[in-house]
């Protein structure tokens, strides 16, 4: 082969390689541009305000995968395209981080907003309140009647073992879980307060403190009076005076359910009622309700008073007295108020 032909062949090969390189580079540039455009489009899509015109509640069942979640969000009208949502979540690596539950999706929430809400598990919270002074059976009825909780409580806990408060929960939580939290919170509270109790209290155990706190809780509905009522009962116990508390008699008659009438003389005189503190020395055998934290704190650190008596004063509160003579005057005032009301 002549030198001229060889040079022509090499020149042609060089041009072909150059064109091939140009094509490869051009393809890479075009692919990169397409990828950049696609990524930019995807970012814009997931950041755009969503189609929901108002807050929408969406319930995502436990065990739902990414496809089912995305389809449900689209069906609920909170995302415009389930595929776009799936692609974004998959690229971000969050497909196993989405949490089931009941969500309140805000109006106009973007896919990014919804994605973050589902990752955080920011579900709807519900509240259930166990009022202070309710019996364990009454609290169980409150929980069993709640339509959002699941399961049923069949065993009523011992009286005085629950802490009555407002508890938050999510749809699908069990009633037993709430009850267990009430029991654990009550134990944690008494464990925290007991070491700092006052000296020379007329009881020796946390269980006895709960019994007395339950009586304080039932004797007054005025929060500011709990310490004074506690001081009355602590003073009476210290001096060996019977508590003479009407709510204890009622508990012995009804188990803590409303009596619906006044206490009869025969019931006051019934010495066989173990909760009749007109006859029982010291504390009754068990709590008569579940006391709240303020009542428990009041009996563990009562104010220093000389009060031994109290009676309703006609305003929703009570009049306190140090002597029986003063107490009799307060009782007479209360009788007058009752007559005026009748």
C-alpha atoms as a PDB file:
ATOM      1  CA  UNK A   1       0.000   0.000   0.000  1.00  0.00           C
ATOM      2  CA  UNK A   2       1.355   3.377  -1.001  1.00  0.00           C
ATOM      3  CA  UNK A   3       2.140   5.990   1.645  1.00  0.00           C
ATOM      4  CA  UNK A   4      -0.532   8.331   0.199  1.00  0.00           C
ATOM      5  CA  UNK A   5      -3.317   5.732   0.594  1.00  0.00           C
ATOM      6  CA  UNK A   6      -2.219   4.931   4.122  1.00  0.00           C
ATOM      7  CA  UNK A   7      -2.393   8.589   5.098  1.00  0.00           C
ATOM      8  CA  UNK A   8      -5.870   8.920   3.553  1.00  0.00           C
ATOM      9  CA  UNK A   9      -7.075   5.850   5.469  1.00  0.00           C
ATOM     10  CA  UNK A  10      -5.734   7.189   8.780  1.00  0.00           C
ATOM     11  CA  UNK A  11      -7.318  10.556   8.093  1.00  0.00           C
ATOM     12  CA  UNK A  12     -10.704   8.985   7.444  1.00  0.00           C
ATOM     13  CA  UNK A  13     -10.441   6.874  10.610  1.00  0.00           C
ATOM     14  CA  UNK A  14      -9.533   9.950  12.618  1.00  0.00           C
ATOM     15  CA  UNK A  15     -12.508  11.846  11.269  1.00  0.00           C
ATOM     16  CA  UNK A  16     -14.806   8.906  12.069  1.00  0.00           C
ATOM     17  CA  UNK A  17     -13.483   8.728  15.616  1.00  0.00           C
ATOM     18  CA  UNK A  18     -13.892  12.458  16.003  1.00  0.00           C
ATOM     19  CA  UNK A  19     -17.464  12.305  14.804  1.00  0.00           C
ATOM     20  CA  UNK A  20     -18.124   9.344  17.075  1.00  0.00           C
ATOM     21  CA  UNK A  21     -16.698  11.266  20.021  1.00  0.00           C
ATOM     22  CA  UNK A  22     -18.821  14.249  19.106  1.00  0.00           C
ATOM     23  CA  UNK A  23     -21.899  12.035  18.968  1.00  0.00           C
ATOM     24  CA  UNK A  24     -21.068  10.449  22.345  1.00  0.00           C
ATOM     25  CA  UNK A  25     -20.428  13.810  23.963  1.00  0.00           C
ATOM     26  CA  UNK A  26     -23.553  15.221  22.403  1.00  0.00           C
ATOM     27  CA  UNK A  27     -25.554  12.233  23.658  1.00  0.00           C
ATOM     28  CA  UNK A  28     -24.174  12.643  27.139  1.00  0.00           C
ATOM     29  CA  UNK A  29     -24.961  16.359  27.069  1.00  0.00           C
ATOM     30  CA  UNK A  30     -28.462  15.712  25.773  1.00  0.00           C
ATOM     31  CA  UNK A  31     -29.045  12.940  28.333  1.00  0.00           C
ATOM     32  CA  UNK A  32     -27.726  15.176  31.084  1.00  0.00           C
ATOM     33  CA  UNK A  33     -29.914  18.012  29.913  1.00  0.00           C
ATOM     34  CA  UNK A  34     -32.914  15.713  29.793  1.00  0.00           C
ATOM     35  CA  UNK A  35     -32.104  14.371  33.245  1.00  0.00           C
ATOM     36  CA  UNK A  36     -31.659  17.897  34.614  1.00  0.00           C
ATOM     37  CA  UNK A  37     -34.922  18.996  33.047  1.00  0.00           C
ATOM     38  CA  UNK A  38     -36.684  15.929  34.453  1.00  0.00           C
ATOM     39  CA  UNK A  39     -35.242  16.510  37.910  1.00  0.00           C
ATOM     40  CA  UNK A  40     -36.176  20.180  37.813  1.00  0.00           C
ATOM     41  CA  UNK A  41     -39.685  19.284  36.683  1.00  0.00           C
ATOM     42  CA  UNK A  42     -39.998  16.681  39.458  1.00  0.00           C
ATOM     43  CA  UNK A  43     -38.809  19.150  42.111  1.00  0.00           C
ATOM     44  CA  UNK A  44     -41.315  21.703  40.905  1.00  0.00           C
ATOM     45  CA  UNK A  45     -44.124  19.127  40.838  1.00  0.00           C
ATOM     46  CA  UNK A  46     -43.638  17.937  44.414  1.00  0.00           C
ATOM     47  CA  UNK A  47     -43.238  21.498  45.691  1.00  0.00           C
ATOM     48  CA  UNK A  48     -46.379  22.803  43.991  1.00  0.00           C
ATOM     49  CA  UNK A  49     -49.436  23.407  46.200  1.00  0.00           C
ATOM     50  CA  UNK A  50     -51.675  20.357  46.266  1.00  0.00           C
ATOM     51  CA  UNK A  51     -55.193  20.106  44.812  1.00  0.00           C
ATOM     52  CA  UNK A  52     -57.106  19.903  48.140  1.00  0.00           C
ATOM     53  CA  UNK A  53     -59.226  23.009  48.667  1.00  0.00           C
ATOM     54  CA  UNK A  54     -59.796  22.209  52.355  1.00  0.00           C
ATOM     55  CA  UNK A  55     -58.315  20.125  55.112  1.00  0.00           C
ATOM     56  CA  UNK A  56     -58.795  16.446  54.327  1.00  0.00           C
ATOM     57  CA  UNK A  57     -58.666  13.528  56.731  1.00  0.00           C
ATOM     58  CA  UNK A  58     -56.938  10.454  55.324  1.00  0.00           C
ATOM     59  CA  UNK A  59     -56.699   7.142  57.173  1.00  0.00           C
ATOM     60  CA  UNK A  60     -53.737   5.010  56.120  1.00  0.00           C
ATOM     61  CA  UNK A  61     -54.178   1.457  57.458  1.00  0.00           C
ATOM     62  CA  UNK A  62     -51.318  -0.361  59.154  1.00  0.00           C
ATOM     63  CA  UNK A  63     -49.290  -2.419  56.715  1.00  0.00           C
ATOM     64  CA  UNK A  64     -49.905  -0.128  53.738  1.00  0.00           C
ATOM     65  CA  UNK A  65     -47.008   0.009  51.270  1.00  0.00           C
ATOM     66  CA  UNK A  66     -45.858   2.984  49.214  1.00  0.00           C
ATOM     67  CA  UNK A  67     -48.030   2.127  46.199  1.00  0.00           C
ATOM     68  CA  UNK A  68     -51.170   1.763  48.317  1.00  0.00           C
ATOM     69  CA  UNK A  69     -50.408   4.975  50.231  1.00  0.00           C
ATOM     70  CA  UNK A  70     -49.770   6.990  47.065  1.00  0.00           C
ATOM     71  CA  UNK A  71     -52.943   5.689  45.427  1.00  0.00           C
ATOM     72  CA  UNK A  72     -54.976   6.480  48.532  1.00  0.00           C
ATOM     73  CA  UNK A  73     -53.593  10.012  48.684  1.00  0.00           C
ATOM     74  CA  UNK A  74     -54.540  10.547  45.065  1.00  0.00           C
ATOM     75  CA  UNK A  75     -58.003   9.054  45.604  1.00  0.00           C
ATOM     76  CA  UNK A  76     -58.500  11.395  48.571  1.00  0.00           C
ATOM     77  CA  UNK A  77     -57.657  14.353  46.345  1.00  0.00           C
ATOM     78  CA  UNK A  78     -54.611  15.550  48.267  1.00  0.00           C
ATOM     79  CA  UNK A  79     -51.982  14.693  45.618  1.00  0.00           C
ATOM     80  CA  UNK A  80     -52.421  15.217  41.910  1.00  0.00           C
ATOM     81  CA  UNK A  81     -50.398  12.236  40.685  1.00  0.00           C
ATOM     82  CA  UNK A  82     -49.649   9.115  42.727  1.00  0.00           C
ATOM     83  CA  UNK A  83     -46.792   8.152  40.394  1.00  0.00           C
ATOM     84  CA  UNK A  84     -44.973  11.424  40.975  1.00  0.00           C
ATOM     85  CA  UNK A  85     -45.344  11.000  44.729  1.00  0.00           C
ATOM     86  CA  UNK A  86     -44.004   7.434  44.530  1.00  0.00           C
ATOM     87  CA  UNK A  87     -41.024   8.452  42.393  1.00  0.00           C
ATOM     88  CA  UNK A  88     -40.036  11.266  44.738  1.00  0.00           C
ATOM     89  CA  UNK A  89     -40.335   9.118  47.861  1.00  0.00           C
ATOM     90  CA  UNK A  90     -38.348   6.300  46.235  1.00  0.00           C
ATOM     91  CA  UNK A  91     -35.568   8.625  45.068  1.00  0.00           C
ATOM     92  CA  UNK A  92     -35.377  10.148  48.550  1.00  0.00           C
ATOM     93  CA  UNK A  93     -35.187   6.679  50.108  1.00  0.00           C
ATOM     94  CA  UNK A  94     -38.195   7.191  52.355  1.00  0.00           C
ATOM     95  CA  UNK A  95     -40.445   4.421  51.077  1.00  0.00           C
ATOM     96  CA  UNK A  96     -40.018   2.466  54.346  1.00  0.00           C
ATOM     97  CA  UNK A  97     -40.359   5.521  56.591  1.00  0.00           C
ATOM     98  CA  UNK A  98     -43.985   6.383  55.885  1.00  0.00           C
ATOM     99  CA  UNK A  99     -46.135   5.755  58.946  1.00  0.00           C
ATOM    100  CA  UNK A 100     -49.702   4.521  59.031  1.00  0.00           C
ATOM    101  CA  UNK A 101     -52.377   6.419  60.909  1.00  0.00           C
ATOM    102  CA  UNK A 102     -55.057   9.068  60.561  1.00  0.00           C
ATOM    103  CA  UNK A 103     -53.800  12.317  59.063  1.00  0.00           C
ATOM    104  CA  UNK A 104     -55.351  15.761  58.707  1.00  0.00           C
ATOM    105  CA  UNK A 105     -53.823  16.952  55.426  1.00  0.00           C
ATOM    106  CA  UNK A 106     -53.925  20.772  55.284  1.00  0.00           C
ATOM    107  CA  UNK A 107     -55.579  22.514  52.337  1.00  0.00           C
ATOM    108  CA  UNK A 108     -53.108  23.034  49.490  1.00  0.00           C
ATOM    109  CA  UNK A 109     -50.411  20.878  51.101  1.00  0.00           C
ATOM    110  CA  UNK A 110     -47.678  20.016  48.604  1.00  0.00           C
ATOM    111  CA  UNK A 111     -46.387  16.506  48.068  1.00  0.00           C
ATOM    112  CA  UNK A 112     -43.275  17.521  50.000  1.00  0.00           C
ATOM    113  CA  UNK A 113     -45.429  18.668  52.906  1.00  0.00           C
ATOM    114  CA  UNK A 114     -47.432  15.434  52.889  1.00  0.00           C
ATOM    115  CA  UNK A 115     -44.291  13.324  52.570  1.00  0.00           C
ATOM    116  CA  UNK A 116     -42.782  15.026  55.616  1.00  0.00           C
ATOM    117  CA  UNK A 117     -46.039  14.666  57.578  1.00  0.00           C
ATOM    118  CA  UNK A 118     -46.147  10.934  56.884  1.00  0.00           C
ATOM    119  CA  UNK A 119     -42.473  10.476  57.755  1.00  0.00           C
ATOM    120  CA  UNK A 120     -42.912  12.298  61.065  1.00  0.00           C
ATOM    121  CA  UNK A 121     -46.081  10.344  61.873  1.00  0.00           C
ATOM    122  CA  UNK A 122     -47.885  13.624  62.551  1.00  0.00           C
ATOM    123  CA  UNK A 123     -51.273  11.989  62.939  1.00  0.00           C
ATOM    124  CA  UNK A 124     -54.485  13.328  64.466  1.00  0.00           C
ATOM    125  CA  UNK A 125     -54.433  13.288  68.256  1.00  0.00           C
ATOM    126  CA  UNK A 126     -57.565  12.651  70.281  1.00  0.00           C
ATOM    127  CA  UNK A 127     -58.176  13.344  73.957  1.00  0.00           C
ATOM    128  CA  UNK A 128     -60.005  11.380  76.628  1.00  0.00           C
ATOM    129  CA  UNK A 129     -60.556  12.750  80.119  1.00  0.00           C
ATOM    130  CA  UNK A 130     -60.933  10.760  83.301  1.00  0.00           C
ATOM    131  CA  UNK A 131     -62.240  13.344  85.791  1.00  0.00           C
ATOM    132  CA  UNK A 132     -60.804  13.446  89.284  1.00  0.00           C
ATOM    133  CA  UNK A 133     -62.789  11.572  91.893  1.00  0.00           C
ATOM    134  CA  UNK A 134     -64.216   8.933  89.579  1.00  0.00           C
ATOM    135  CA  UNK A 135     -64.142   5.283  90.588  1.00  0.00           C
ATOM    136  CA  UNK A 136     -62.157   2.748  88.589  1.00  0.00           C
ATOM    137  CA  UNK A 137     -65.399   1.265  87.237  1.00  0.00           C
ATOM    138  CA  UNK A 138     -66.540   4.690  86.056  1.00  0.00           C
ATOM    139  CA  UNK A 139     -63.217   5.346  84.335  1.00  0.00           C
ATOM    140  CA  UNK A 140     -63.411   1.974  82.573  1.00  0.00           C
ATOM    141  CA  UNK A 141     -66.888   2.920  81.327  1.00  0.00           C
ATOM    142  CA  UNK A 142     -65.527   6.214  79.974  1.00  0.00           C
ATOM    143  CA  UNK A 143     -62.810   4.382  78.048  1.00  0.00           C
ATOM    144  CA  UNK A 144     -65.104   1.638  76.775  1.00  0.00           C
ATOM    145  CA  UNK A 145     -67.549   4.269  75.490  1.00  0.00           C
ATOM    146  CA  UNK A 146     -64.890   6.109  73.464  1.00  0.00           C
ATOM    147  CA  UNK A 147     -65.585   5.372  69.774  1.00  0.00           C
ATOM    148  CA  UNK A 148     -62.021   5.959  68.544  1.00  0.00           C
ATOM    149  CA  UNK A 149     -60.192   3.590  70.872  1.00  0.00           C
ATOM    150  CA  UNK A 150     -60.068  -0.138  70.146  1.00  0.00           C
ATOM    151  CA  UNK A 151     -60.502  -3.285  72.206  1.00  0.00           C
ATOM    152  CA  UNK A 152     -62.523  -3.591  75.382  1.00  0.00           C
ATOM    153  CA  UNK A 153     -61.544  -3.495  79.031  1.00  0.00           C
ATOM    154  CA  UNK A 154     -63.080  -6.338  80.977  1.00  0.00           C
ATOM    155  CA  UNK A 155     -61.117  -6.211  84.254  1.00  0.00           C
ATOM    156  CA  UNK A 156     -61.658  -3.185  86.488  1.00  0.00           C
ATOM    157  CA  UNK A 157     -58.437  -2.105  88.257  1.00  0.00           C
ATOM    158  CA  UNK A 158     -58.302  -1.754  92.022  1.00  0.00           C
ATOM    159  CA  UNK A 159     -59.770   1.451  93.395  1.00  0.00           C
ATOM    160  CA  UNK A 160     -57.313   4.315  93.644  1.00  0.00           C
ATOM    161  CA  UNK A 161     -54.713   2.871  91.257  1.00  0.00           C
ATOM    162  CA  UNK A 162     -55.455   5.193  88.321  1.00  0.00           C
ATOM    163  CA  UNK A 163     -54.405   8.810  87.819  1.00  0.00           C
ATOM    164  CA  UNK A 164     -57.364  10.809  86.490  1.00  0.00           C
ATOM    165  CA  UNK A 165     -56.209  13.287  83.859  1.00  0.00           C
ATOM    166  CA  UNK A 166     -56.638  14.092  80.169  1.00  0.00           C
ATOM    167  CA  UNK A 167     -54.767  11.625  77.958  1.00  0.00           C
ATOM    168  CA  UNK A 168     -53.929  11.988  74.275  1.00  0.00           C
ATOM    169  CA  UNK A 169     -54.041   9.092  71.839  1.00  0.00           C
ATOM    170  CA  UNK A 170     -54.290   8.221  68.158  1.00  0.00           C
ATOM    171  CA  UNK A 171     -56.996   6.360  66.292  1.00  0.00           C
ATOM    172  CA  UNK A 172     -56.418   2.661  66.677  1.00  0.00           C
ATOM    173  CA  UNK A 173     -54.816   2.875  70.123  1.00  0.00           C
ATOM    174  CA  UNK A 174     -56.298   0.404  72.576  1.00  0.00           C
ATOM    175  CA  UNK A 175     -58.379   1.195  75.633  1.00  0.00           C
ATOM    176  CA  UNK A 176     -56.178  -1.097  77.690  1.00  0.00           C
ATOM    177  CA  UNK A 177     -53.119   0.947  76.699  1.00  0.00           C
ATOM    178  CA  UNK A 178     -54.735   4.122  78.070  1.00  0.00           C
ATOM    179  CA  UNK A 179     -55.688   2.311  81.274  1.00  0.00           C
ATOM    180  CA  UNK A 180     -52.121   1.043  81.655  1.00  0.00           C
ATOM    181  CA  UNK A 181     -50.833   4.593  81.217  1.00  0.00           C
ATOM    182  CA  UNK A 182     -53.203   5.818  83.939  1.00  0.00           C
ATOM    183  CA  UNK A 183     -51.933   3.130  86.300  1.00  0.00           C
ATOM    184  CA  UNK A 184     -48.273   3.825  85.500  1.00  0.00           C
ATOM    185  CA  UNK A 185     -48.723   7.591  85.869  1.00  0.00           C
ATOM    186  CA  UNK A 186     -50.385   7.194  89.260  1.00  0.00           C
ATOM    187  CA  UNK A 187     -47.553   4.995  90.503  1.00  0.00           C
ATOM    188  CA  UNK A 188     -44.942   7.406  89.135  1.00  0.00           C
ATOM    189  CA  UNK A 189     -46.672  10.336  90.840  1.00  0.00           C
ATOM    190  CA  UNK A 190     -46.832   8.724  94.287  1.00  0.00           C
ATOM    191  CA  UNK A 191     -43.225   7.533  93.888  1.00  0.00           C
ATOM    192  CA  UNK A 192     -42.176  11.129  93.197  1.00  0.00           C
ATOM    193  CA  UNK A 193     -44.215  12.769  95.987  1.00  0.00           C
ATOM    194  CA  UNK A 194     -43.844  10.224  98.798  1.00  0.00           C
ATOM    195  CA  UNK A 195     -40.148  10.910  99.651  1.00  0.00           C
ATOM    196  CA  UNK A 196     -40.882  14.626 100.177  1.00  0.00           C
ATOM    197  CA  UNK A 197     -43.918  14.136 102.412  1.00  0.00           C
ATOM    198  CA  UNK A 198     -44.348  16.073 105.632  1.00  0.00           C
ATOM    199  CA  UNK A 199     -43.089  14.688 108.922  1.00  0.00           C
ATOM    200  CA  UNK A 200     -45.371  12.987 111.451  1.00  0.00           C
ATOM    201  CA  UNK A 201     -48.213  12.185 109.080  1.00  0.00           C
ATOM    202  CA  UNK A 202     -50.885   9.954 110.667  1.00  0.00           C
ATOM    203  CA  UNK A 203     -50.422   7.217 108.066  1.00  0.00           C
ATOM    204  CA  UNK A 204     -47.474   5.030 107.131  1.00  0.00           C
ATOM    205  CA  UNK A 205     -47.823   3.870 103.539  1.00  0.00           C
ATOM    206  CA  UNK A 206     -48.483   5.336 100.078  1.00  0.00           C
ATOM    207  CA  UNK A 207     -51.603   3.166  99.923  1.00  0.00           C
ATOM    208  CA  UNK A 208     -53.003   4.883 103.013  1.00  0.00           C
ATOM    209  CA  UNK A 209     -52.155   8.260 101.507  1.00  0.00           C
ATOM    210  CA  UNK A 210     -54.236   7.374  98.440  1.00  0.00           C
ATOM    211  CA  UNK A 211     -57.169   6.346 100.668  1.00  0.00           C
ATOM    212  CA  UNK A 212     -57.131   9.703 102.430  1.00  0.00           C
ATOM    213  CA  UNK A 213     -56.602  11.599  99.160  1.00  0.00           C
ATOM    214  CA  UNK A 214     -59.656   9.894  97.669  1.00  0.00           C
ATOM    215  CA  UNK A 215     -61.781  11.145 100.583  1.00  0.00           C
ATOM    216  CA  UNK A 216     -60.412  14.675 100.164  1.00  0.00           C
ATOM    217  CA  UNK A 217     -61.212  14.467  96.444  1.00  0.00           C
ATOM    218  CA  UNK A 218     -64.831  13.493  97.073  1.00  0.00           C
ATOM    219  CA  UNK A 219     -65.391  16.055  99.827  1.00  0.00           C
ATOM    220  CA  UNK A 220     -64.795  19.177  97.734  1.00  0.00           C
ATOM    221  CA  UNK A 221     -65.043  20.203  94.118  1.00  0.00           C
ATOM    222  CA  UNK A 222     -63.147  23.446  94.811  1.00  0.00           C
ATOM    223  CA  UNK A 223     -59.492  22.936  93.936  1.00  0.00           C
ATOM    224  CA  UNK A 224     -58.241  25.633  96.317  1.00  0.00           C
ATOM    225  CA  UNK A 225     -59.950  23.888  99.247  1.00  0.00           C
ATOM    226  CA  UNK A 226     -58.219  20.549  98.916  1.00  0.00           C
ATOM    227  CA  UNK A 227     -55.271  21.504 101.179  1.00  0.00           C
ATOM    228  CA  UNK A 228     -57.624  22.780 103.919  1.00  0.00           C
ATOM    229  CA  UNK A 229     -59.819  19.682 103.725  1.00  0.00           C
ATOM    230  CA  UNK A 230     -56.684  17.553 103.879  1.00  0.00           C
ATOM    231  CA  UNK A 231     -55.543  19.461 106.965  1.00  0.00           C
ATOM    232  CA  UNK A 232     -58.896  18.757 108.686  1.00  0.00           C
ATOM    233  CA  UNK A 233     -58.644  15.007 108.139  1.00  0.00           C
ATOM    234  CA  UNK A 234     -54.946  14.866 109.034  1.00  0.00           C
ATOM    235  CA  UNK A 235     -55.672  16.777 112.258  1.00  0.00           C
ATOM    236  CA  UNK A 236     -58.552  14.423 113.133  1.00  0.00           C
ATOM    237  CA  UNK A 237     -56.420  11.332 112.499  1.00  0.00           C
ATOM    238  CA  UNK A 238     -53.614  12.737 114.630  1.00  0.00           C
ATOM    239  CA  UNK A 239     -56.020  13.325 117.519  1.00  0.00           C
ATOM    240  CA  UNK A 240     -57.819  10.013 117.172  1.00  0.00           C
ATOM    241  CA  UNK A 241     -61.071  11.662 116.023  1.00  0.00           C
ATOM    242  CA  UNK A 242     -63.145   9.719 113.487  1.00  0.00           C
ATOM    243  CA  UNK A 243     -63.261  11.188 109.997  1.00  0.00           C
ATOM    244  CA  UNK A 244     -67.090  11.251 109.789  1.00  0.00           C
ATOM    245  CA  UNK A 245     -67.084  11.651 106.007  1.00  0.00           C
ATOM    246  CA  UNK A 246     -70.381  11.205 104.164  1.00  0.00           C
ATOM    247  CA  UNK A 247     -68.765  10.168 100.828  1.00  0.00           C
ATOM    248  CA  UNK A 248     -67.280   7.116 102.534  1.00  0.00           C
ATOM    249  CA  UNK A 249     -70.736   6.004 103.661  1.00  0.00           C
ATOM    250  CA  UNK A 250     -72.063   6.416 100.113  1.00  0.00           C
ATOM    251  CA  UNK A 251     -69.200   4.332  98.716  1.00  0.00           C
ATOM    252  CA  UNK A 252     -70.080   1.543 101.137  1.00  0.00           C
ATOM    253  CA  UNK A 253     -73.698   1.663  99.920  1.00  0.00           C
ATOM    254  CA  UNK A 254     -73.293   2.095  96.138  1.00  0.00           C
ATOM    255  CA  UNK A 255     -69.664   1.267  95.376  1.00  0.00           C
ATOM    256  CA  UNK A 256     -69.078   4.856  94.354  1.00  0.00           C
ATOM    257  CA  UNK A 257     -72.119   5.328  92.123  1.00  0.00           C
ATOM    258  CA  UNK A 258     -74.322   8.389  92.812  1.00  0.00           C
ATOM    259  CA  UNK A 259     -76.738   7.806  95.675  1.00  0.00           C
ATOM    260  CA  UNK A 260     -79.334  10.090  94.114  1.00  0.00           C
ATOM    261  CA  UNK A 261     -80.710  11.195  97.477  1.00  0.00           C
ATOM    262  CA  UNK A 262     -79.624  12.202 100.941  1.00  0.00           C
ATOM    263  CA  UNK A 263     -78.102   9.727 103.358  1.00  0.00           C
ATOM    264  CA  UNK A 264     -80.735   8.206 105.615  1.00  0.00           C
ATOM    265  CA  UNK A 265     -80.387   8.130 109.390  1.00  0.00           C
ATOM    266  CA  UNK A 266     -80.397   4.335 109.274  1.00  0.00           C
ATOM    267  CA  UNK A 267     -77.409   4.479 106.906  1.00  0.00           C
ATOM    268  CA  UNK A 268     -75.556   6.895 109.158  1.00  0.00           C
ATOM    269  CA  UNK A 269     -76.181   4.545 112.082  1.00  0.00           C
ATOM    270  CA  UNK A 270     -75.201   1.403 110.185  1.00  0.00           C
ATOM    271  CA  UNK A 271     -72.066   0.206 111.967  1.00  0.00           C
ATOM    272  CA  UNK A 272     -71.779  -2.846 109.680  1.00  0.00           C
ATOM    273  CA  UNK A 273     -70.809  -0.658 106.705  1.00  0.00           C
ATOM    274  CA  UNK A 274     -66.976  -0.923 106.699  1.00  0.00           C
ATOM    275  CA  UNK A 275     -66.794   2.473 104.973  1.00  0.00           C
ATOM    276  CA  UNK A 276     -68.930   4.239 107.581  1.00  0.00           C
ATOM    277  CA  UNK A 277     -66.296   6.558 109.061  1.00  0.00           C
ATOM    278  CA  UNK A 278     -68.775   7.677 111.720  1.00  0.00           C
ATOM    279  CA  UNK A 279     -68.025   4.264 113.261  1.00  0.00           C
ATOM    280  CA  UNK A 280     -64.700   3.223 111.698  1.00  0.00           C
ATOM    281  CA  UNK A 281     -61.600   4.371 113.554  1.00  0.00           C
ATOM    282  CA  UNK A 282     -59.004   5.772 111.187  1.00  0.00           C
ATOM    283  CA  UNK A 283     -59.181   5.152 107.454  1.00  0.00           C
ATOM    284  CA  UNK A 284     -61.688   2.998 105.554  1.00  0.00           C
ATOM    285  CA  UNK A 285     -60.367  -0.242 104.027  1.00  0.00           C
ATOM    286  CA  UNK A 286     -59.782   1.062 100.478  1.00  0.00           C
ATOM    287  CA  UNK A 287     -59.864   4.291  98.501  1.00  0.00           C
ATOM    288  CA  UNK A 288     -63.344   5.456  97.556  1.00  0.00           C
ATOM    289  CA  UNK A 289     -62.286   6.936  94.188  1.00  0.00           C
ATOM    290  CA  UNK A 290     -59.223   7.774  92.126  1.00  0.00           C
ATOM    291  CA  UNK A 291     -57.779  11.026  93.472  1.00  0.00           C
ATOM    292  CA  UNK A 292     -56.003  13.564  91.293  1.00  0.00           C
ATOM    293  CA  UNK A 293     -52.470  14.820  91.764  1.00  0.00           C
ATOM    294  CA  UNK A 294     -53.550  17.892  93.759  1.00  0.00           C
ATOM    295  CA  UNK A 295     -55.459  15.833  96.322  1.00  0.00           C
ATOM    296  CA  UNK A 296     -52.530  13.431  96.700  1.00  0.00           C
ATOM    297  CA  UNK A 297     -50.101  16.321  97.111  1.00  0.00           C
ATOM    298  CA  UNK A 298     -52.442  17.937  99.664  1.00  0.00           C
ATOM    299  CA  UNK A 299     -52.527  14.946 102.025  1.00  0.00           C
ATOM    300  CA  UNK A 300     -48.772  14.421 101.785  1.00  0.00           C
ATOM    301  CA  UNK A 301     -48.025  18.057 102.624  1.00  0.00           C
ATOM    302  CA  UNK A 302     -51.097  19.555 104.293  1.00  0.00           C
ATOM    303  CA  UNK A 303     -51.003  23.140 105.566  1.00  0.00           C
ATOM    304  CA  UNK A 304     -50.481  23.669 109.282  1.00  0.00           C
ATOM    305  CA  UNK A 305     -53.952  24.482 110.636  1.00  0.00           C
ATOM    306  CA  UNK A 306     -56.026  23.723 113.711  1.00  0.00           C
ATOM    307  CA  UNK A 307     -59.173  23.005 111.708  1.00  0.00           C
ATOM    308  CA  UNK A 308     -61.162  19.971 112.786  1.00  0.00           C
ATOM    309  CA  UNK A 309     -64.512  20.605 111.055  1.00  0.00           C
ATOM    310  CA  UNK A 310     -65.958  21.882 107.816  1.00  0.00           C
ATOM    311  CA  UNK A 311     -69.421  22.225 106.369  1.00  0.00           C
ATOM    312  CA  UNK A 312     -70.902  23.603 103.138  1.00  0.00           C
ATOM    313  CA  UNK A 313     -71.226  27.389 103.157  1.00  0.00           C
ATOM    314  CA  UNK A 314     -73.853  27.786 100.459  1.00  0.00           C
ATOM    315  CA  UNK A 315     -71.484  29.203  97.830  1.00  0.00           C
ATOM    316  CA  UNK A 316     -70.110  25.911  96.555  1.00  0.00           C
ATOM    317  CA  UNK A 317     -67.296  25.938  99.098  1.00  0.00           C
ATOM    318  CA  UNK A 318     -66.984  25.135 102.781  1.00  0.00           C
ATOM    319  CA  UNK A 319     -66.696  26.933 106.117  1.00  0.00           C
ATOM    320  CA  UNK A 320     -63.874  25.625 108.301  1.00  0.00           C
ATOM    321  CA  UNK A 321     -63.781  25.613 112.093  1.00  0.00           C
ATOM    322  CA  UNK A 322     -61.324  24.822 114.859  1.00  0.00           C
ATOM    323  CA  UNK A 323     -63.917  24.169 117.584  1.00  0.00           C
ATOM    324  CA  UNK A 324     -67.171  22.281 117.703  1.00  0.00           C
ATOM    325  CA  UNK A 325     -69.037  25.415 118.879  1.00  0.00           C
ATOM    326  CA  UNK A 326     -67.788  27.364 115.844  1.00  0.00           C
ATOM    327  CA  UNK A 327     -68.695  24.421 113.646  1.00  0.00           C
ATOM    328  CA  UNK A 328     -72.225  24.393 115.034  1.00  0.00           C
ATOM    329  CA  UNK A 329     -72.630  28.059 114.052  1.00  0.00           C
ATOM    330  CA  UNK A 330     -71.437  27.210 110.527  1.00  0.00           C
ATOM    331  CA  UNK A 331     -73.882  24.308 110.383  1.00  0.00           C
ATOM    332  CA  UNK A 332     -76.717  26.616 111.480  1.00  0.00           C
ATOM    333  CA  UNK A 333     -75.804  29.041 108.707  1.00  0.00           C
ATOM    334  CA  UNK A 334     -75.859  26.190 106.206  1.00  0.00           C
ATOM    335  CA  UNK A 335     -79.276  25.030 107.423  1.00  0.00           C
ATOM    336  CA  UNK A 336     -80.588  28.560 106.976  1.00  0.00           C
ATOM    337  CA  UNK A 337     -79.283  28.631 103.409  1.00  0.00           C
ATOM    338  CA  UNK A 338     -80.988  25.294 102.731  1.00  0.00           C
ATOM    339  CA  UNK A 339     -84.306  26.586 104.089  1.00  0.00           C
ATOM    340  CA  UNK A 340     -84.068  29.733 101.987  1.00  0.00           C
ATOM    341  CA  UNK A 341     -83.420  27.676  98.880  1.00  0.00           C
ATOM    342  CA  UNK A 342     -86.435  25.482  99.582  1.00  0.00           C
END
